[in-house]
Amino acid sequence: MARSSSLKAKILALSLRVARVYPFKYLIPFFIKHVDHFLPSDRLEENAHWVAFHHPQPVYPLHILILPKLPIPSLSAAPGDMPALYADLVLIVQALVKAFHLEAHAYRLITNGGQNQSIPLWHWHLVCEASCEGVDHPGA
């Protein structure tokens, strides 16, 4: 199973690198929407609007990506008329915080924009730094 997860992480990491190349960046929303057909990912949490999994290129001891199921290119393009989208974001973050016991540790929820956004899909990073090491991480 670890080998399968490792292969999935490598394919996802390659996909994210390819997404930074101009002609391919527009394929990311399609890939995320149909990820099950291309790569059966190990999802940590999922609801009607969001899906979460371990970041394939983590920068933190715990680094989770939370992606929308809709092709929303950036925070500035996020719809203002979909309260369920934002409610589901809060619910998925709360479920992850509980599952990973993050209330006892320092954690952050980050979204990137402008030049800091490397792929053309609005997404969130739930991260826990060094103080989080040693926590029993489900799905890890």
N, C-alpha and C. Protein backbone atom coordinates (compact mmCIF):
# COMPACT_ATOMS: atom_id res chain seq x y z
N MET A 1 0.82 -1.19 0.00
CA MET A 1 0.00 0.00 0.00
C MET A 1 0.86 1.26 0.00
N ALA A 2 1.97 1.24 0.73
CA ALA A 2 2.84 2.41 0.77
C ALA A 2 3.40 2.72 -0.61
N ARG A 3 3.71 1.67 -1.38
CA ARG A 3 4.25 1.88 -2.72
C ARG A 3 3.21 2.56 -3.60
N SER A 4 1.95 2.13 -3.50
CA SER A 4 0.87 2.72 -4.27
C SER A 4 0.69 4.19 -3.90
N SER A 5 0.69 4.50 -2.62
CA SER A 5 0.56 5.88 -2.17
C SER A 5 1.73 6.72 -2.64
N SER A 6 2.93 6.14 -2.62
CA SER A 6 4.11 6.85 -3.09
C SER A 6 4.00 7.15 -4.58
N LEU A 7 3.53 6.19 -5.35
CA LEU A 7 3.36 6.40 -6.79
C LEU A 7 2.31 7.48 -7.04
N LYS A 8 1.22 7.44 -6.30
CA LYS A 8 0.18 8.46 -6.44
C LYS A 8 0.73 9.85 -6.14
N ALA A 9 1.51 9.94 -5.08
CA ALA A 9 2.09 11.23 -4.70
C ALA A 9 3.04 11.74 -5.79
N LYS A 10 3.82 10.83 -6.38
CA LYS A 10 4.74 11.24 -7.44
C LYS A 10 3.99 11.72 -8.68
N ILE A 11 2.91 11.02 -9.03
CA ILE A 11 2.13 11.43 -10.20
C ILE A 11 1.46 12.76 -9.94
N LEU A 12 0.91 12.95 -8.74
CA LEU A 12 0.28 14.21 -8.41
C LEU A 12 1.29 15.35 -8.40
N ALA A 13 2.47 15.10 -7.85
CA ALA A 13 3.53 16.12 -7.82
C ALA A 13 3.93 16.50 -9.25
N LEU A 14 4.07 15.51 -10.12
CA LEU A 14 4.40 15.79 -11.52
C LEU A 14 3.29 16.62 -12.17
N SER A 15 2.04 16.27 -11.88
CA SER A 15 0.91 17.01 -12.44
C SER A 15 0.93 18.47 -12.00
N LEU A 16 1.26 18.70 -10.73
CA LEU A 16 1.31 20.08 -10.24
C LEU A 16 2.45 20.86 -10.88
N ARG A 17 3.59 20.18 -11.13
CA ARG A 17 4.70 20.87 -11.82
C ARG A 17 4.32 21.20 -13.26
N VAL A 18 3.67 20.26 -13.94
CA VAL A 18 3.26 20.48 -15.33
C VAL A 18 2.24 21.62 -15.39
N ALA A 19 1.40 21.73 -14.36
CA ALA A 19 0.36 22.76 -14.34
C ALA A 19 0.93 24.17 -14.33
N ARG A 20 2.18 24.31 -13.96
CA ARG A 20 2.80 25.63 -13.93
C ARG A 20 3.23 26.09 -15.32
N VAL A 21 3.23 25.18 -16.29
CA VAL A 21 3.60 25.51 -17.66
C VAL A 21 2.36 26.05 -18.36
N TYR A 22 2.50 27.19 -19.00
CA TYR A 22 1.36 27.93 -19.55
C TYR A 22 0.32 27.08 -20.29
N PRO A 23 0.67 26.31 -21.31
CA PRO A 23 -0.39 25.61 -22.04
C PRO A 23 -1.13 24.57 -21.20
N PHE A 24 -0.49 24.03 -20.19
CA PHE A 24 -1.09 22.95 -19.42
C PHE A 24 -1.88 23.43 -18.20
N LYS A 25 -1.67 24.67 -17.78
CA LYS A 25 -2.29 25.13 -16.55
C LYS A 25 -3.82 25.11 -16.62
N TYR A 26 -4.38 25.20 -17.81
CA TYR A 26 -5.83 25.20 -17.94
C TYR A 26 -6.42 23.79 -17.83
N LEU A 27 -5.58 22.78 -17.79
CA LEU A 27 -6.06 21.41 -17.62
C LEU A 27 -6.27 21.02 -16.16
N ILE A 28 -5.72 21.80 -15.23
CA ILE A 28 -5.80 21.47 -13.80
C ILE A 28 -7.25 21.35 -13.32
N PRO A 29 -8.14 22.30 -13.61
CA PRO A 29 -9.52 22.12 -13.14
C PRO A 29 -10.14 20.82 -13.67
N PHE A 30 -9.87 20.49 -14.92
CA PHE A 30 -10.38 19.24 -15.49
C PHE A 30 -9.79 18.04 -14.75
N PHE A 31 -8.48 18.08 -14.50
CA PHE A 31 -7.80 16.97 -13.81
C PHE A 31 -8.38 16.78 -12.41
N ILE A 32 -8.56 17.86 -11.68
CA ILE A 32 -9.08 17.76 -10.31
C ILE A 32 -10.50 17.21 -10.34
N LYS A 33 -11.31 17.68 -11.27
CA LYS A 33 -12.69 17.22 -11.35
C LYS A 33 -12.76 15.72 -11.66
N HIS A 34 -11.84 15.24 -12.47
CA HIS A 34 -11.85 13.85 -12.91
C HIS A 34 -10.69 13.04 -12.35
N VAL A 35 -10.13 13.46 -11.22
CA VAL A 35 -8.94 12.83 -10.66
C VAL A 35 -9.14 11.33 -10.42
N ASP A 36 -10.37 10.93 -10.08
CA ASP A 36 -10.62 9.51 -9.83
C ASP A 36 -10.34 8.66 -11.07
N HIS A 37 -10.55 9.23 -12.24
CA HIS A 37 -10.31 8.48 -13.47
C HIS A 37 -8.82 8.37 -13.79
N PHE A 38 -8.05 9.37 -13.39
CA PHE A 38 -6.63 9.39 -13.69
C PHE A 38 -5.77 8.80 -12.58
N LEU A 39 -6.18 9.07 -11.36
CA LEU A 39 -5.36 8.71 -10.21
C LEU A 39 -6.24 8.51 -8.99
N PRO A 40 -6.47 7.28 -8.59
CA PRO A 40 -7.27 7.08 -7.38
C PRO A 40 -6.51 7.64 -6.18
N SER A 41 -6.88 8.82 -5.75
CA SER A 41 -6.14 9.49 -4.68
C SER A 41 -6.60 9.02 -3.31
N ASP A 42 -5.72 9.12 -2.34
CA ASP A 42 -6.04 8.79 -0.96
C ASP A 42 -6.63 10.04 -0.32
N ARG A 43 -7.92 10.15 -0.38
CA ARG A 43 -8.60 11.34 0.14
C ARG A 43 -8.72 11.26 1.66
N LEU A 44 -8.39 12.35 2.31
CA LEU A 44 -8.49 12.41 3.77
C LEU A 44 -9.90 12.77 4.19
N GLU A 45 -10.48 13.73 3.51
CA GLU A 45 -11.86 14.19 3.75
C GLU A 45 -12.42 14.64 2.42
N GLU A 46 -13.74 14.61 2.33
CA GLU A 46 -14.40 15.05 1.11
C GLU A 46 -15.83 15.42 1.45
N ASN A 47 -16.35 16.44 0.77
CA ASN A 47 -17.76 16.77 0.87
C ASN A 47 -18.23 17.24 -0.50
N ALA A 48 -19.39 17.85 -0.58
CA ALA A 48 -19.98 18.20 -1.87
C ALA A 48 -19.12 19.18 -2.68
N HIS A 49 -18.36 20.03 -2.01
CA HIS A 49 -17.61 21.08 -2.71
C HIS A 49 -16.09 20.98 -2.63
N TRP A 50 -15.56 20.18 -1.71
CA TRP A 50 -14.12 20.18 -1.45
C TRP A 50 -13.59 18.76 -1.29
N VAL A 51 -12.31 18.60 -1.57
CA VAL A 51 -11.61 17.33 -1.34
C VAL A 51 -10.25 17.65 -0.73
N ALA A 52 -9.82 16.83 0.22
CA ALA A 52 -8.54 17.06 0.91
C ALA A 52 -7.68 15.81 0.85
N PHE A 53 -6.38 16.02 0.64
CA PHE A 53 -5.42 14.92 0.64
C PHE A 53 -4.05 15.46 1.02
N HIS A 54 -3.14 14.57 1.36
CA HIS A 54 -1.79 15.00 1.71
C HIS A 54 -1.12 15.65 0.50
N HIS A 55 -0.43 16.75 0.74
CA HIS A 55 0.29 17.44 -0.32
C HIS A 55 1.38 16.52 -0.86
N PRO A 56 1.49 16.40 -2.18
CA PRO A 56 2.51 15.51 -2.75
C PRO A 56 3.94 16.04 -2.61
N GLN A 57 4.08 17.34 -2.35
CA GLN A 57 5.39 17.96 -2.14
C GLN A 57 5.32 18.78 -0.86
N PRO A 58 5.20 18.12 0.28
CA PRO A 58 4.97 18.85 1.53
C PRO A 58 6.14 19.75 1.91
N VAL A 59 5.80 20.89 2.47
CA VAL A 59 6.78 21.84 2.96
C VAL A 59 6.80 21.83 4.49
N TYR A 60 5.78 21.23 5.07
CA TYR A 60 5.60 21.17 6.52
C TYR A 60 5.48 19.72 6.95
N PRO A 61 5.71 19.43 8.23
CA PRO A 61 5.54 18.05 8.71
C PRO A 61 4.14 17.50 8.41
N LEU A 62 3.12 18.34 8.53
CA LEU A 62 1.78 17.98 8.08
C LEU A 62 1.36 19.04 7.08
N HIS A 63 1.07 18.62 5.86
CA HIS A 63 0.73 19.57 4.80
C HIS A 63 -0.40 18.95 3.98
N ILE A 64 -1.59 19.48 4.15
CA ILE A 64 -2.78 18.96 3.48
C ILE A 64 -3.28 19.98 2.46
N LEU A 65 -3.59 19.51 1.27
CA LEU A 65 -4.21 20.34 0.24
C LEU A 65 -5.72 20.18 0.31
N ILE A 66 -6.43 21.28 0.19
CA ILE A 66 -7.88 21.27 0.15
C ILE A 66 -8.27 21.96 -1.16
N LEU A 67 -8.85 21.17 -2.07
CA LEU A 67 -9.17 21.66 -3.40
C LEU A 67 -10.67 21.73 -3.62
N PRO A 68 -11.13 22.76 -4.35
CA PRO A 68 -12.55 22.82 -4.68
C PRO A 68 -12.86 21.84 -5.81
N LYS A 69 -14.07 21.35 -5.84
CA LYS A 69 -14.49 20.48 -6.93
C LYS A 69 -14.93 21.29 -8.14
N LEU A 70 -15.16 22.58 -7.93
CA LEU A 70 -15.52 23.48 -9.03
C LEU A 70 -14.25 24.11 -9.59
N PRO A 71 -14.22 24.42 -10.86
CA PRO A 71 -13.02 25.04 -11.45
C PRO A 71 -12.94 26.53 -11.13
N ILE A 72 -12.57 26.86 -9.90
CA ILE A 72 -12.45 28.25 -9.45
C ILE A 72 -10.97 28.61 -9.57
N PRO A 73 -10.59 29.51 -10.47
CA PRO A 73 -9.17 29.77 -10.72
C PRO A 73 -8.43 30.50 -9.60
N SER A 74 -9.13 31.31 -8.82
CA SER A 74 -8.45 32.09 -7.78
C SER A 74 -9.47 32.58 -6.75
N LEU A 75 -8.97 33.08 -5.63
CA LEU A 75 -9.84 33.64 -4.60
C LEU A 75 -10.65 34.80 -5.16
N SER A 76 -10.01 35.63 -5.97
CA SER A 76 -10.73 36.79 -6.52
C SER A 76 -11.83 36.38 -7.50
N ALA A 77 -11.77 35.16 -8.02
CA ALA A 77 -12.80 34.67 -8.92
C ALA A 77 -13.83 33.78 -8.21
N ALA A 78 -13.68 33.62 -6.89
CA ALA A 78 -14.60 32.77 -6.14
C ALA A 78 -16.01 33.38 -6.15
N PRO A 79 -17.01 32.55 -6.33
CA PRO A 79 -18.38 33.07 -6.40
C PRO A 79 -18.86 33.61 -5.06
N GLY A 80 -19.57 34.70 -5.11
CA GLY A 80 -20.10 35.30 -3.89
C GLY A 80 -21.51 34.82 -3.56
N ASP A 81 -22.09 34.06 -4.47
CA ASP A 81 -23.49 33.65 -4.30
C ASP A 81 -23.63 32.15 -3.99
N MET A 82 -22.60 31.57 -3.38
CA MET A 82 -22.64 30.14 -3.04
C MET A 82 -22.26 29.92 -1.58
N PRO A 83 -23.14 30.27 -0.65
CA PRO A 83 -22.78 30.11 0.76
C PRO A 83 -22.43 28.67 1.14
N ALA A 84 -23.02 27.68 0.47
CA ALA A 84 -22.72 26.28 0.78
C ALA A 84 -21.25 25.94 0.48
N LEU A 85 -20.66 26.59 -0.51
CA LEU A 85 -19.25 26.38 -0.84
C LEU A 85 -18.36 26.72 0.35
N TYR A 86 -18.65 27.85 0.98
CA TYR A 86 -17.84 28.32 2.10
C TYR A 86 -18.16 27.57 3.39
N ALA A 87 -19.42 27.22 3.57
CA ALA A 87 -19.79 26.42 4.73
C ALA A 87 -19.11 25.06 4.67
N ASP A 88 -19.07 24.47 3.47
CA ASP A 88 -18.40 23.17 3.31
C ASP A 88 -16.90 23.27 3.52
N LEU A 89 -16.32 24.41 3.16
CA LEU A 89 -14.89 24.61 3.43
C LEU A 89 -14.63 24.58 4.93
N VAL A 90 -15.45 25.31 5.68
CA VAL A 90 -15.29 25.34 7.14
C VAL A 90 -15.48 23.93 7.71
N LEU A 91 -16.47 23.21 7.22
CA LEU A 91 -16.73 21.86 7.74
C LEU A 91 -15.58 20.91 7.45
N ILE A 92 -14.99 20.98 6.27
CA ILE A 92 -13.89 20.07 5.95
C ILE A 92 -12.66 20.42 6.78
N VAL A 93 -12.40 21.71 6.98
CA VAL A 93 -11.27 22.12 7.81
C VAL A 93 -11.49 21.66 9.25
N GLN A 94 -12.69 21.84 9.77
CA GLN A 94 -12.98 21.40 11.14
C GLN A 94 -12.79 19.89 11.27
N ALA A 95 -13.22 19.13 10.29
CA ALA A 95 -13.06 17.67 10.34
C ALA A 95 -11.58 17.28 10.32
N LEU A 96 -10.77 17.97 9.51
CA LEU A 96 -9.34 17.69 9.45
C LEU A 96 -8.64 18.07 10.76
N VAL A 97 -9.00 19.22 11.32
CA VAL A 97 -8.41 19.64 12.59
C VAL A 97 -8.71 18.61 13.67
N LYS A 98 -9.92 18.11 13.68
CA LYS A 98 -10.30 17.10 14.67
C LYS A 98 -9.57 15.78 14.40
N ALA A 99 -9.56 15.33 13.15
CA ALA A 99 -8.94 14.04 12.80
C ALA A 99 -7.45 14.02 13.10
N PHE A 100 -6.78 15.14 12.93
CA PHE A 100 -5.34 15.21 13.14
C PHE A 100 -4.97 15.80 14.51
N HIS A 101 -5.96 16.02 15.36
CA HIS A 101 -5.74 16.53 16.73
C HIS A 101 -4.95 17.84 16.70
N LEU A 102 -5.29 18.74 15.81
CA LEU A 102 -4.51 19.97 15.63
C LEU A 102 -4.82 21.06 16.64
N GLU A 103 -5.92 20.95 17.36
CA GLU A 103 -6.23 21.97 18.37
C GLU A 103 -5.14 22.05 19.43
N ALA A 104 -4.43 20.95 19.65
CA ALA A 104 -3.36 20.92 20.66
C ALA A 104 -2.03 21.44 20.10
N HIS A 105 -2.02 21.83 18.82
CA HIS A 105 -0.78 22.23 18.15
C HIS A 105 -0.99 23.54 17.39
N ALA A 106 0.08 24.09 16.93
CA ALA A 106 0.00 25.29 16.09
C ALA A 106 -0.27 24.84 14.65
N TYR A 107 -1.35 25.36 14.06
CA TYR A 107 -1.65 25.04 12.67
C TYR A 107 -2.10 26.30 11.97
N ARG A 108 -2.03 26.25 10.64
CA ARG A 108 -2.44 27.40 9.82
C ARG A 108 -3.25 26.91 8.64
N LEU A 109 -4.15 27.77 8.17
CA LEU A 109 -4.90 27.55 6.95
C LEU A 109 -4.51 28.67 6.00
N ILE A 110 -3.95 28.30 4.86
CA ILE A 110 -3.34 29.28 3.96
C ILE A 110 -3.95 29.15 2.56
N THR A 111 -4.21 30.28 1.93
CA THR A 111 -4.54 30.29 0.50
C THR A 111 -3.59 31.27 -0.16
N ASN A 112 -3.19 30.98 -1.37
CA ASN A 112 -2.26 31.83 -2.10
C ASN A 112 -3.00 32.58 -3.20
N GLY A 113 -2.46 33.72 -3.58
CA GLY A 113 -3.07 34.50 -4.65
C GLY A 113 -2.01 35.27 -5.42
N GLY A 114 -2.42 35.80 -6.55
CA GLY A 114 -1.50 36.58 -7.38
C GLY A 114 -0.29 35.76 -7.78
N GLN A 115 0.89 36.35 -7.65
CA GLN A 115 2.13 35.67 -8.04
C GLN A 115 2.47 34.51 -7.12
N ASN A 116 1.87 34.43 -5.95
CA ASN A 116 2.11 33.32 -5.03
C ASN A 116 1.29 32.09 -5.37
N GLN A 117 0.35 32.21 -6.29
CA GLN A 117 -0.48 31.07 -6.66
C GLN A 117 0.16 30.37 -7.84
N SER A 118 0.67 29.16 -7.62
CA SER A 118 1.45 28.48 -8.65
C SER A 118 0.61 27.67 -9.62
N ILE A 119 -0.61 27.31 -9.26
CA ILE A 119 -1.49 26.61 -10.20
C ILE A 119 -2.79 27.40 -10.31
N PRO A 120 -3.45 27.34 -11.46
CA PRO A 120 -4.66 28.16 -11.67
C PRO A 120 -5.91 27.51 -11.10
N LEU A 121 -5.84 27.13 -9.83
CA LEU A 121 -7.00 26.58 -9.13
C LEU A 121 -6.93 27.07 -7.70
N TRP A 122 -7.96 27.76 -7.25
CA TRP A 122 -8.01 28.24 -5.87
C TRP A 122 -7.96 27.04 -4.96
N HIS A 123 -7.08 27.07 -3.98
CA HIS A 123 -6.94 25.95 -3.06
C HIS A 123 -6.42 26.44 -1.72
N TRP A 124 -6.49 25.56 -0.75
CA TRP A 124 -6.06 25.88 0.60
C TRP A 124 -5.02 24.87 1.06
N HIS A 125 -4.15 25.32 1.96
CA HIS A 125 -3.16 24.45 2.60
C HIS A 125 -3.46 24.47 4.09
N LEU A 126 -3.67 23.31 4.68
CA LEU A 126 -3.77 23.18 6.12
C LEU A 126 -2.44 22.62 6.56
N VAL A 127 -1.70 23.39 7.35
CA VAL A 127 -0.33 23.00 7.69
C VAL A 127 -0.12 23.03 9.20
N CYS A 128 0.77 22.17 9.63
CA CYS A 128 1.21 22.13 11.02
C CYS A 128 2.73 22.07 10.98
N GLU A 129 3.37 22.97 11.70
CA GLU A 129 4.82 23.07 11.65
C GLU A 129 5.48 22.09 12.62
N ALA A 130 6.73 22.31 12.96
CA ALA A 130 7.53 21.37 13.76
C ALA A 130 6.84 20.97 15.06
N SER A 131 6.08 21.89 15.67
CA SER A 131 5.43 21.57 16.94
C SER A 131 4.38 20.47 16.78
N CYS A 132 4.06 20.16 15.55
CA CYS A 132 3.04 19.15 15.26
C CYS A 132 3.65 17.76 15.11
N GLU A 133 4.96 17.64 15.04
CA GLU A 133 5.60 16.36 14.84
C GLU A 133 5.23 15.39 15.96
N GLY A 134 5.06 14.16 15.59
CA GLY A 134 4.74 13.13 16.56
C GLY A 134 3.25 12.92 16.75
N VAL A 135 2.42 13.75 16.13
CA VAL A 135 0.98 13.57 16.22
C VAL A 135 0.60 12.36 15.39
N ASP A 136 -0.32 11.56 15.90
CA ASP A 136 -0.80 10.40 15.17
C ASP A 136 -1.66 10.88 14.00
N HIS A 137 -1.12 10.83 12.79
CA HIS A 137 -1.82 11.33 11.62
C HIS A 137 -2.59 10.22 10.93
N PRO A 138 -3.91 10.33 10.89
CA PRO A 138 -4.68 9.33 10.17
C PRO A 138 -4.34 9.36 8.68
N GLY A 139 -4.26 8.24 8.06
CA GLY A 139 -4.00 8.18 6.63
C GLY A 139 -2.55 8.35 6.26
N ALA A 140 -1.68 8.58 7.22
CA ALA A 140 -0.26 8.80 6.89
C ALA A 140 0.47 7.48 6.78
